[in-house]
Amino acid sequence: MWVYLLASKKHGTLYVGVTNALSRRVGEHRNGQGSEFASRYGALRLVYAEHFASPGEAIAHEKRIKHWRRSWKIALIERANPEWNDLYPTTHFD
């Protein structure tokens, strides 16, 4: 299971999600079949992804991140991806 963050641009709108098939799910977002929020605000760039062994761990972490302050989410992204590069085109996570 994956917890992931999408962004509209560097320091832009953020979307937090969880999935068992990261490449498929991000592709759905990009094709307009993902969340209405991500589509409305253009949060389509995969800027962070973390794998978890169990669904329970992933869902708990997603819920934690959703309650974090925005500054904490930005720090999480910048530790792993300082340039906020779109990870989707070059990486396959499934």
PDB file of N, CA and C in Angstrom:
ATOM      1  N   MET A   1       0.851  -1.184   0.000  1.00  0.00           N
ATOM      2  CA  MET A   1       0.000   0.000   0.000  1.00  0.00           C
ATOM      3  C   MET A   1       0.892   1.241   0.000  1.00  0.00           C
ATOM      4  N   TRP A   2       0.398   2.252  -0.662  1.00  0.00           N
ATOM      5  CA  TRP A   2       1.133   3.505  -0.825  1.00  0.00           C
ATOM      6  C   TRP A   2       0.357   4.691  -0.258  1.00  0.00           C
ATOM      7  N   VAL A   3       1.073   5.587   0.400  1.00  0.00           N
ATOM      8  CA  VAL A   3       0.563   6.911   0.743  1.00  0.00           C
ATOM      9  C   VAL A   3       1.285   7.868  -0.192  1.00  0.00           C
ATOM     10  N   TYR A   4       0.542   8.785  -0.791  1.00  0.00           N
ATOM     11  CA  TYR A   4       1.159   9.666  -1.787  1.00  0.00           C
ATOM     12  C   TYR A   4       0.629  11.084  -1.653  1.00  0.00           C
ATOM     13  N   LEU A   5       1.428  12.019  -2.124  1.00  0.00           N
ATOM     14  CA  LEU A   5       1.024  13.422  -2.171  1.00  0.00           C
ATOM     15  C   LEU A   5       1.151  13.913  -3.599  1.00  0.00           C
ATOM     16  N   LEU A   6       0.104  14.570  -4.058  1.00  0.00           N
ATOM     17  CA  LEU A   6       0.096  15.232  -5.351  1.00  0.00           C
ATOM     18  C   LEU A   6       0.134  16.734  -5.099  1.00  0.00           C
ATOM     19  N   ALA A   7       0.731  17.466  -6.032  1.00  0.00           N
ATOM     20  CA  ALA A   7       0.797  18.925  -5.911  1.00  0.00           C
ATOM     21  C   ALA A   7       0.473  19.562  -7.249  1.00  0.00           C
ATOM     22  N   SER A   8      -0.070  20.761  -7.190  1.00  0.00           N
ATOM     23  CA  SER A   8      -0.356  21.505  -8.416  1.00  0.00           C
ATOM     24  C   SER A   8       0.919  22.132  -8.971  1.00  0.00           C
ATOM     25  N   LYS A   9       1.829  22.522  -8.075  1.00  0.00           N
ATOM     26  CA  LYS A   9       3.128  23.109  -8.419  1.00  0.00           C
ATOM     27  C   LYS A   9       3.926  23.164  -7.129  1.00  0.00           C
ATOM     28  N   LYS A  10       5.167  23.625  -7.186  1.00  0.00           N
ATOM     29  CA  LYS A  10       5.962  23.741  -5.970  1.00  0.00           C
ATOM     30  C   LYS A  10       5.253  24.689  -5.009  1.00  0.00           C
ATOM     31  N   HIS A  11       5.020  24.213  -3.809  1.00  0.00           N
ATOM     32  CA  HIS A  11       4.313  24.954  -2.756  1.00  0.00           C
ATOM     33  C   HIS A  11       2.872  25.287  -3.142  1.00  0.00           C
ATOM     34  N   GLY A  12       2.306  24.526  -4.076  1.00  0.00           N
ATOM     35  CA  GLY A  12       0.926  24.738  -4.500  1.00  0.00           C
ATOM     36  C   GLY A  12      -0.046  23.901  -3.688  1.00  0.00           C
ATOM     37  N   THR A  13      -1.211  23.662  -4.265  1.00  0.00           N
ATOM     38  CA  THR A  13      -2.251  22.864  -3.618  1.00  0.00           C
ATOM     39  C   THR A  13      -1.764  21.431  -3.452  1.00  0.00           C
ATOM     40  N   LEU A  14      -2.044  20.835  -2.292  1.00  0.00           N
ATOM     41  CA  LEU A  14      -1.624  19.467  -1.990  1.00  0.00           C
ATOM     42  C   LEU A  14      -2.830  18.554  -1.837  1.00  0.00           C
ATOM     43  N   TYR A  15      -2.646  17.313  -2.292  1.00  0.00           N
ATOM     44  CA  TYR A  15      -3.665  16.273  -2.131  1.00  0.00           C
ATOM     45  C   TYR A  15      -2.969  15.061  -1.534  1.00  0.00           C
ATOM     46  N   VAL A  16      -3.555  14.452  -0.515  1.00  0.00           N
ATOM     47  CA  VAL A  16      -3.010  13.263   0.133  1.00  0.00           C
ATOM     48  C   VAL A  16      -3.932  12.093  -0.158  1.00  0.00           C
ATOM     49  N   GLY A  17      -3.347  10.966  -0.585  1.00  0.00           N
ATOM     50  CA  GLY A  17      -4.158   9.796  -0.882  1.00  0.00           C
ATOM     51  C   GLY A  17      -3.467   8.505  -0.483  1.00  0.00           C
ATOM     52  N   VAL A  18      -4.207   7.406  -0.579  1.00  0.00           N
ATOM     53  CA  VAL A  18      -3.683   6.074  -0.293  1.00  0.00           C
ATOM     54  C   VAL A  18      -4.205   5.134  -1.372  1.00  0.00           C
ATOM     55  N   THR A  19      -3.365   4.174  -1.780  1.00  0.00           N
ATOM     56  CA  THR A  19      -3.756   3.237  -2.836  1.00  0.00           C
ATOM     57  C   THR A  19      -2.912   1.975  -2.758  1.00  0.00           C
ATOM     58  N   ASN A  20      -3.399   0.920  -3.382  1.00  0.00           N
ATOM     59  CA  ASN A  20      -2.603  -0.304  -3.479  1.00  0.00           C
ATOM     60  C   ASN A  20      -1.880  -0.395  -4.820  1.00  0.00           C
ATOM     61  N   ALA A  21      -2.170   0.511  -5.748  1.00  0.00           N
ATOM     62  CA  ALA A  21      -1.537   0.511  -7.073  1.00  0.00           C
ATOM     63  C   ALA A  21      -1.224   1.964  -7.452  1.00  0.00           C
ATOM     64  N   LEU A  22      -0.053   2.421  -7.073  1.00  0.00           N
ATOM     65  CA  LEU A  22       0.273   3.842  -7.191  1.00  0.00           C
ATOM     66  C   LEU A  22       0.269   4.340  -8.633  1.00  0.00           C
ATOM     67  N   SER A  23       0.924   3.635  -9.540  1.00  0.00           N
ATOM     68  CA  SER A  23       0.970   4.091 -10.935  1.00  0.00           C
ATOM     69  C   SER A  23      -0.428   4.201 -11.529  1.00  0.00           C
ATOM     70  N   ARG A  24      -1.253   3.195 -11.273  1.00  0.00           N
ATOM     71  CA  ARG A  24      -2.624   3.215 -11.784  1.00  0.00           C
ATOM     72  C   ARG A  24      -3.401   4.392 -11.211  1.00  0.00           C
ATOM     73  N   ARG A  25      -3.295   4.588  -9.898  1.00  0.00           N
ATOM     74  CA  ARG A  25      -4.088   5.634  -9.251  1.00  0.00           C
ATOM     75  C   ARG A  25      -3.670   7.033  -9.701  1.00  0.00           C
ATOM     76  N   VAL A  26      -2.380   7.282  -9.799  1.00  0.00           N
ATOM     77  CA  VAL A  26      -1.929   8.595 -10.267  1.00  0.00           C
ATOM     78  C   VAL A  26      -2.360   8.794 -11.717  1.00  0.00           C
ATOM     79  N   GLY A  27      -2.305   7.728 -12.517  1.00  0.00           N
ATOM     80  CA  GLY A  27      -2.807   7.806 -13.892  1.00  0.00           C
ATOM     81  C   GLY A  27      -4.282   8.173 -13.931  1.00  0.00           C
ATOM     82  N   GLU A  28      -5.063   7.620 -13.012  1.00  0.00           N
ATOM     83  CA  GLU A  28      -6.487   7.971 -12.937  1.00  0.00           C
ATOM     84  C   GLU A  28      -6.670   9.454 -12.615  1.00  0.00           C
ATOM     85  N   HIS A  29      -5.899   9.947 -11.675  1.00  0.00           N
ATOM     86  CA  HIS A  29      -5.975  11.382 -11.355  1.00  0.00           C
ATOM     87  C   HIS A  29      -5.693  12.208 -12.607  1.00  0.00           C
ATOM     88  N   ARG A  30      -4.665  11.835 -13.339  1.00  0.00           N
ATOM     89  CA  ARG A  30      -4.255  12.602 -14.520  1.00  0.00           C
ATOM     90  C   ARG A  30      -5.271  12.516 -15.654  1.00  0.00           C
ATOM     91  N   ASN A  31      -6.033  11.449 -15.682  1.00  0.00           N
ATOM     92  CA  ASN A  31      -7.047  11.273 -16.729  1.00  0.00           C
ATOM     93  C   ASN A  31      -8.424  11.773 -16.302  1.00  0.00           C
ATOM     94  N   GLY A  32      -8.501  12.452 -15.170  1.00  0.00           N
ATOM     95  CA  GLY A  32      -9.771  13.000 -14.708  1.00  0.00           C
ATOM     96  C   GLY A  32     -10.661  12.004 -14.001  1.00  0.00           C
ATOM     97  N   GLN A  33     -10.120  10.827 -13.648  1.00  0.00           N
ATOM     98  CA  GLN A  33     -10.908   9.799 -12.969  1.00  0.00           C
ATOM     99  C   GLN A  33     -10.543   9.677 -11.489  1.00  0.00           C
ATOM    100  N   GLY A  34      -9.703  10.603 -11.005  1.00  0.00           N
ATOM    101  CA  GLY A  34      -9.296  10.588  -9.604  1.00  0.00           C
ATOM    102  C   GLY A  34     -10.239  11.423  -8.776  1.00  0.00           C
ATOM    103  N   SER A  35      -9.717  12.002  -7.730  1.00  0.00           N
ATOM    104  CA  SER A  35     -10.566  12.804  -6.849  1.00  0.00           C
ATOM    105  C   SER A  35     -10.976  14.110  -7.511  1.00  0.00           C
ATOM    106  N   GLU A  36     -12.159  14.559  -7.167  1.00  0.00           N
ATOM    107  CA  GLU A  36     -12.664  15.831  -7.689  1.00  0.00           C
ATOM    108  C   GLU A  36     -11.796  16.989  -7.192  1.00  0.00           C
ATOM    109  N   PHE A  37     -11.327  16.898  -5.953  1.00  0.00           N
ATOM    110  CA  PHE A  37     -10.485  17.950  -5.383  1.00  0.00           C
ATOM    111  C   PHE A  37      -9.190  18.098  -6.171  1.00  0.00           C
ATOM    112  N   ALA A  38      -8.499  16.983  -6.407  1.00  0.00           N
ATOM    113  CA  ALA A  38      -7.224  17.036  -7.135  1.00  0.00           C
ATOM    114  C   ALA A  38      -7.422  17.594  -8.531  1.00  0.00           C
ATOM    115  N   SER A  39      -8.482  17.189  -9.170  1.00  0.00           N
ATOM    116  CA  SER A  39      -8.778  17.677 -10.520  1.00  0.00           C
ATOM    117  C   SER A  39      -9.100  19.168 -10.511  1.00  0.00           C
ATOM    118  N   ARG A  40      -9.945  19.592  -9.600  1.00  0.00           N
ATOM    119  CA  ARG A  40     -10.371  20.994  -9.533  1.00  0.00           C
ATOM    120  C   ARG A  40      -9.194  21.936  -9.315  1.00  0.00           C
ATOM    121  N   TYR A  41      -8.244  21.520  -8.470  1.00  0.00           N
ATOM    122  CA  TYR A  41      -7.132  22.399  -8.121  1.00  0.00           C
ATOM    123  C   TYR A  41      -5.839  22.062  -8.860  1.00  0.00           C
ATOM    124  N   GLY A  42      -5.899  21.142  -9.798  1.00  0.00           N
ATOM    125  CA  GLY A  42      -4.736  20.819 -10.615  1.00  0.00           C
ATOM    126  C   GLY A  42      -3.616  20.122  -9.870  1.00  0.00           C
ATOM    127  N   ALA A  43      -3.931  19.440  -8.789  1.00  0.00           N
ATOM    128  CA  ALA A  43      -2.923  18.709  -8.021  1.00  0.00           C
ATOM    129  C   ALA A  43      -2.699  17.355  -8.685  1.00  0.00           C
ATOM    130  N   LEU A  44      -1.868  17.337  -9.714  1.00  0.00           N
ATOM    131  CA  LEU A  44      -1.688  16.138 -10.532  1.00  0.00           C
ATOM    132  C   LEU A  44      -0.236  15.670 -10.596  1.00  0.00           C
ATOM    133  N   ARG A  45       0.663  16.390  -9.947  1.00  0.00           N
ATOM    134  CA  ARG A  45       2.081  16.025  -9.947  1.00  0.00           C
ATOM    135  C   ARG A  45       2.386  15.177  -8.720  1.00  0.00           C
ATOM    136  N   LEU A  46       2.907  13.967  -8.938  1.00  0.00           N
ATOM    137  CA  LEU A  46       3.291  13.093  -7.832  1.00  0.00           C
ATOM    138  C   LEU A  46       4.609  13.610  -7.251  1.00  0.00           C
ATOM    139  N   VAL A  47       4.562  14.120  -6.029  1.00  0.00           N
ATOM    140  CA  VAL A  47       5.762  14.702  -5.422  1.00  0.00           C
ATOM    141  C   VAL A  47       6.272  13.907  -4.222  1.00  0.00           C
ATOM    142  N   TYR A  48       5.483  12.934  -3.746  1.00  0.00           N
ATOM    143  CA  TYR A  48       5.906  12.130  -2.605  1.00  0.00           C
ATOM    144  C   TYR A  48       5.148  10.813  -2.622  1.00  0.00           C
ATOM    145  N   ALA A  49       5.855   9.727  -2.299  1.00  0.00           N
ATOM    146  CA  ALA A  49       5.210   8.419  -2.166  1.00  0.00           C
ATOM    147  C   ALA A  49       5.975   7.596  -1.136  1.00  0.00           C
ATOM    148  N   GLU A  50       5.234   6.893  -0.304  1.00  0.00           N
ATOM    149  CA  GLU A  50       5.833   6.038   0.716  1.00  0.00           C
ATOM    150  C   GLU A  50       5.075   4.717   0.756  1.00  0.00           C
ATOM    151  N   HIS A  51       5.832   3.622   0.732  1.00  0.00           N
ATOM    152  CA  HIS A  51       5.238   2.285   0.718  1.00  0.00           C
ATOM    153  C   HIS A  51       5.084   1.754   2.144  1.00  0.00           C
ATOM    154  N   PHE A  52       3.984   1.045   2.384  1.00  0.00           N
ATOM    155  CA  PHE A  52       3.714   0.413   3.676  1.00  0.00           C
ATOM    156  C   PHE A  52       3.386  -1.053   3.449  1.00  0.00           C
ATOM    157  N   ALA A  53       3.782  -1.884   4.396  1.00  0.00           N
ATOM    158  CA  ALA A  53       3.578  -3.323   4.271  1.00  0.00           C
ATOM    159  C   ALA A  53       2.110  -3.717   4.394  1.00  0.00           C
ATOM    160  N   SER A  54       1.360  -2.983   5.190  1.00  0.00           N
ATOM    161  CA  SER A  54      -0.035  -3.375   5.399  1.00  0.00           C
ATOM    162  C   SER A  54      -0.981  -2.220   5.095  1.00  0.00           C
ATOM    163  N   PRO A  55      -2.203  -2.548   4.678  1.00  0.00           N
ATOM    164  CA  PRO A  55      -3.206  -1.508   4.440  1.00  0.00           C
ATOM    165  C   PRO A  55      -3.488  -0.672   5.687  1.00  0.00           C
ATOM    166  N   GLY A  56      -3.532  -1.308   6.840  1.00  0.00           N
ATOM    167  CA  GLY A  56      -3.819  -0.588   8.075  1.00  0.00           C
ATOM    168  C   GLY A  56      -2.787   0.488   8.376  1.00  0.00           C
ATOM    169  N   GLU A  57      -1.509   0.145   8.176  1.00  0.00           N
ATOM    170  CA  GLU A  57      -0.443   1.127   8.397  1.00  0.00           C
ATOM    171  C   GLU A  57      -0.571   2.297   7.428  1.00  0.00           C
ATOM    172  N   ALA A  58      -0.826   1.985   6.169  1.00  0.00           N
ATOM    173  CA  ALA A  58      -0.928   3.030   5.146  1.00  0.00           C
ATOM    174  C   ALA A  58      -2.103   3.963   5.428  1.00  0.00           C
ATOM    175  N   ILE A  59      -3.245   3.396   5.738  1.00  0.00           N
ATOM    176  CA  ILE A  59      -4.437   4.216   5.997  1.00  0.00           C
ATOM    177  C   ILE A  59      -4.227   5.088   7.235  1.00  0.00           C
ATOM    178  N   ALA A  60      -3.609   4.524   8.272  1.00  0.00           N
ATOM    179  CA  ALA A  60      -3.344   5.306   9.488  1.00  0.00           C
ATOM    180  C   ALA A  60      -2.396   6.464   9.183  1.00  0.00           C
ATOM    181  N   HIS A  61      -1.372   6.209   8.367  1.00  0.00           N
ATOM    182  CA  HIS A  61      -0.420   7.272   8.033  1.00  0.00           C
ATOM    183  C   HIS A  61      -1.083   8.348   7.167  1.00  0.00           C
ATOM    184  N   GLU A  62      -1.911   7.926   6.215  1.00  0.00           N
ATOM    185  CA  GLU A  62      -2.640   8.895   5.392  1.00  0.00           C
ATOM    186  C   GLU A  62      -3.487   9.811   6.285  1.00  0.00           C
ATOM    187  N   LYS A  63      -4.197   9.223   7.227  1.00  0.00           N
ATOM    188  CA  LYS A  63      -5.045  10.021   8.127  1.00  0.00           C
ATOM    189  C   LYS A  63      -4.213  10.985   8.957  1.00  0.00           C
ATOM    190  N   ARG A  64      -3.041  10.507   9.417  1.00  0.00           N
ATOM    191  CA  ARG A  64      -2.149  11.388  10.183  1.00  0.00           C
ATOM    192  C   ARG A  64      -1.725  12.586   9.340  1.00  0.00           C
ATOM    193  N   ILE A  65      -1.256  12.303   8.116  1.00  0.00           N
ATOM    194  CA  ILE A  65      -0.777  13.381   7.242  1.00  0.00           C
ATOM    195  C   ILE A  65      -1.903  14.364   6.941  1.00  0.00           C
ATOM    196  N   LYS A  66      -3.102  13.880   6.723  1.00  0.00           N
ATOM    197  CA  LYS A  66      -4.225  14.771   6.418  1.00  0.00           C
ATOM    198  C   LYS A  66      -4.501  15.751   7.559  1.00  0.00           C
ATOM    199  N   HIS A  67      -4.114  15.389   8.775  1.00  0.00           N
ATOM    200  CA  HIS A  67      -4.322  16.276   9.921  1.00  0.00           C
ATOM    201  C   HIS A  67      -3.103  17.148  10.228  1.00  0.00           C
ATOM    202  N   TRP A  68      -2.014  16.923   9.506  1.00  0.00           N
ATOM    203  CA  TRP A  68      -0.816  17.730   9.720  1.00  0.00           C
ATOM    204  C   TRP A  68      -1.022  19.150   9.239  1.00  0.00           C
ATOM    205  N   ARG A  69      -0.224  20.053   9.791  1.00  0.00           N
ATOM    206  CA  ARG A  69      -0.149  21.416   9.273  1.00  0.00           C
ATOM    207  C   ARG A  69       0.463  21.372   7.877  1.00  0.00           C
ATOM    208  N   ARG A  70       0.106  22.335   7.075  1.00  0.00           N
ATOM    209  CA  ARG A  70       0.646  22.419   5.720  1.00  0.00           C
ATOM    210  C   ARG A  70       2.184  22.454   5.732  1.00  0.00           C
ATOM    211  N   SER A  71       2.754  23.184   6.666  1.00  0.00           N
ATOM    212  CA  SER A  71       4.218  23.302   6.735  1.00  0.00           C
ATOM    213  C   SER A  71       4.878  21.945   6.971  1.00  0.00           C
ATOM    214  N   TRP A  72       4.235  21.057   7.719  1.00  0.00           N
ATOM    215  CA  TRP A  72       4.779  19.725   7.953  1.00  0.00           C
ATOM    216  C   TRP A  72       4.734  18.895   6.676  1.00  0.00           C
ATOM    217  N   LYS A  73       3.655  19.027   5.918  1.00  0.00           N
ATOM    218  CA  LYS A  73       3.549  18.306   4.644  1.00  0.00           C
ATOM    219  C   LYS A  73       4.632  18.776   3.683  1.00  0.00           C
ATOM    220  N   ILE A  74       4.842  20.084   3.633  1.00  0.00           N
ATOM    221  CA  ILE A  74       5.881  20.634   2.757  1.00  0.00           C
ATOM    222  C   ILE A  74       7.252  20.117   3.177  1.00  0.00           C
ATOM    223  N   ALA A  75       7.528  20.075   4.466  1.00  0.00           N
ATOM    224  CA  ALA A  75       8.807  19.556   4.959  1.00  0.00           C
ATOM    225  C   ALA A  75       8.987  18.086   4.579  1.00  0.00           C
ATOM    226  N   LEU A  76       7.934  17.296   4.672  1.00  0.00           N
ATOM    227  CA  LEU A  76       7.989  15.887   4.285  1.00  0.00           C
ATOM    228  C   LEU A  76       8.375  15.752   2.816  1.00  0.00           C
ATOM    229  N   ILE A  77       7.727  16.527   1.964  1.00  0.00           N
ATOM    230  CA  ILE A  77       8.031  16.496   0.532  1.00  0.00           C
ATOM    231  C   ILE A  77       9.468  16.931   0.291  1.00  0.00           C
ATOM    232  N   GLU A  78       9.873  18.027   0.900  1.00  0.00           N
ATOM    233  CA  GLU A  78      11.193  18.591   0.613  1.00  0.00           C
ATOM    234  C   GLU A  78      12.338  17.737   1.130  1.00  0.00           C
ATOM    235  N   ARG A  79      12.111  16.923   2.150  1.00  0.00           N
ATOM    236  CA  ARG A  79      13.149  15.985   2.590  1.00  0.00           C
ATOM    237  C   ARG A  79      13.387  14.914   1.534  1.00  0.00           C
ATOM    238  N   ALA A  80      12.326  14.443   0.910  1.00  0.00           N
ATOM    239  CA  ALA A  80      12.433  13.358  -0.068  1.00  0.00           C
ATOM    240  C   ALA A  80      12.614  13.856  -1.498  1.00  0.00           C
ATOM    241  N   ASN A  81      12.105  15.045  -1.799  1.00  0.00           N
ATOM    242  CA  ASN A  81      12.058  15.545  -3.176  1.00  0.00           C
ATOM    243  C   ASN A  81      12.207  17.076  -3.150  1.00  0.00           C
ATOM    244  N   PRO A  82      13.427  17.571  -2.863  1.00  0.00           N
ATOM    245  CA  PRO A  82      13.617  19.008  -2.651  1.00  0.00           C
ATOM    246  C   PRO A  82      13.209  19.897  -3.822  1.00  0.00           C
ATOM    247  N   GLU A  83      13.279  19.383  -5.022  1.00  0.00           N
ATOM    248  CA  GLU A  83      12.921  20.175  -6.203  1.00  0.00           C
ATOM    249  C   GLU A  83      11.448  20.031  -6.582  1.00  0.00           C
ATOM    250  N   TRP A  84      10.725  19.221  -5.856  1.00  0.00           N
ATOM    251  CA  TRP A  84       9.313  18.954  -6.140  1.00  0.00           C
ATOM    252  C   TRP A  84       9.144  18.406  -7.560  1.00  0.00           C
ATOM    253  N   ASN A  85      10.085  17.561  -7.988  1.00  0.00           N
ATOM    254  CA  ASN A  85       9.977  16.958  -9.314  1.00  0.00           C
ATOM    255  C   ASN A  85       8.759  16.049  -9.372  1.00  0.00           C
ATOM    256  N   ASP A  86       8.169  15.958 -10.550  1.00  0.00           N
ATOM    257  CA  ASP A  86       7.058  15.030 -10.761  1.00  0.00           C
ATOM    258  C   ASP A  86       7.653  13.635 -10.883  1.00  0.00           C
ATOM    259  N   LEU A  87       7.386  12.770  -9.926  1.00  0.00           N
ATOM    260  CA  LEU A  87       7.965  11.431  -9.882  1.00  0.00           C
ATOM    261  C   LEU A  87       7.260  10.446 -10.800  1.00  0.00           C
ATOM    262  N   TYR A  88       6.082  10.785 -11.242  1.00  0.00           N
ATOM    263  CA  TYR A  88       5.272   9.841 -12.015  1.00  0.00           C
ATOM    264  C   TYR A  88       5.882   9.446 -13.360  1.00  0.00           C
ATOM    265  N   PRO A  89       6.368  10.368 -14.180  1.00  0.00           N
ATOM    266  CA  PRO A  89       6.831   9.971 -15.518  1.00  0.00           C
ATOM    267  C   PRO A  89       8.050   9.054 -15.511  1.00  0.00           C
ATOM    268  N   THR A  90       8.890   9.154 -14.496  1.00  0.00           N
ATOM    269  CA  THR A  90      10.154   8.421 -14.514  1.00  0.00           C
ATOM    270  C   THR A  90      10.195   7.224 -13.582  1.00  0.00           C
ATOM    271  N   THR A  91       9.201   7.052 -12.751  1.00  0.00           N
ATOM    272  CA  THR A  91       9.234   5.988 -11.754  1.00  0.00           C
ATOM    273  C   THR A  91       7.946   5.181 -11.806  1.00  0.00           C
ATOM    274  N   HIS A  92       8.110   3.857 -11.726  1.00  0.00           N
ATOM    275  CA  HIS A  92       6.945   2.969 -11.667  1.00  0.00           C
ATOM    276  C   HIS A  92       6.977   2.255 -10.321  1.00  0.00           C
ATOM    277  N   PHE A  93       5.962   2.464  -9.540  1.00  0.00           N
ATOM    278  CA  PHE A  93       5.959   2.045  -8.149  1.00  0.00           C
ATOM    279  C   PHE A  93       5.212   0.744  -7.874  1.00  0.00           C
ATOM    280  N   ASP A  94       4.472   0.207  -8.818  1.00  0.00           N
ATOM    281  CA  ASP A  94       3.635  -0.959  -8.507  1.00  0.00           C
ATOM    282  C   ASP A  94       4.401  -2.260  -8.527  1.00  0.00           C
TER     283      ASP A  94
END
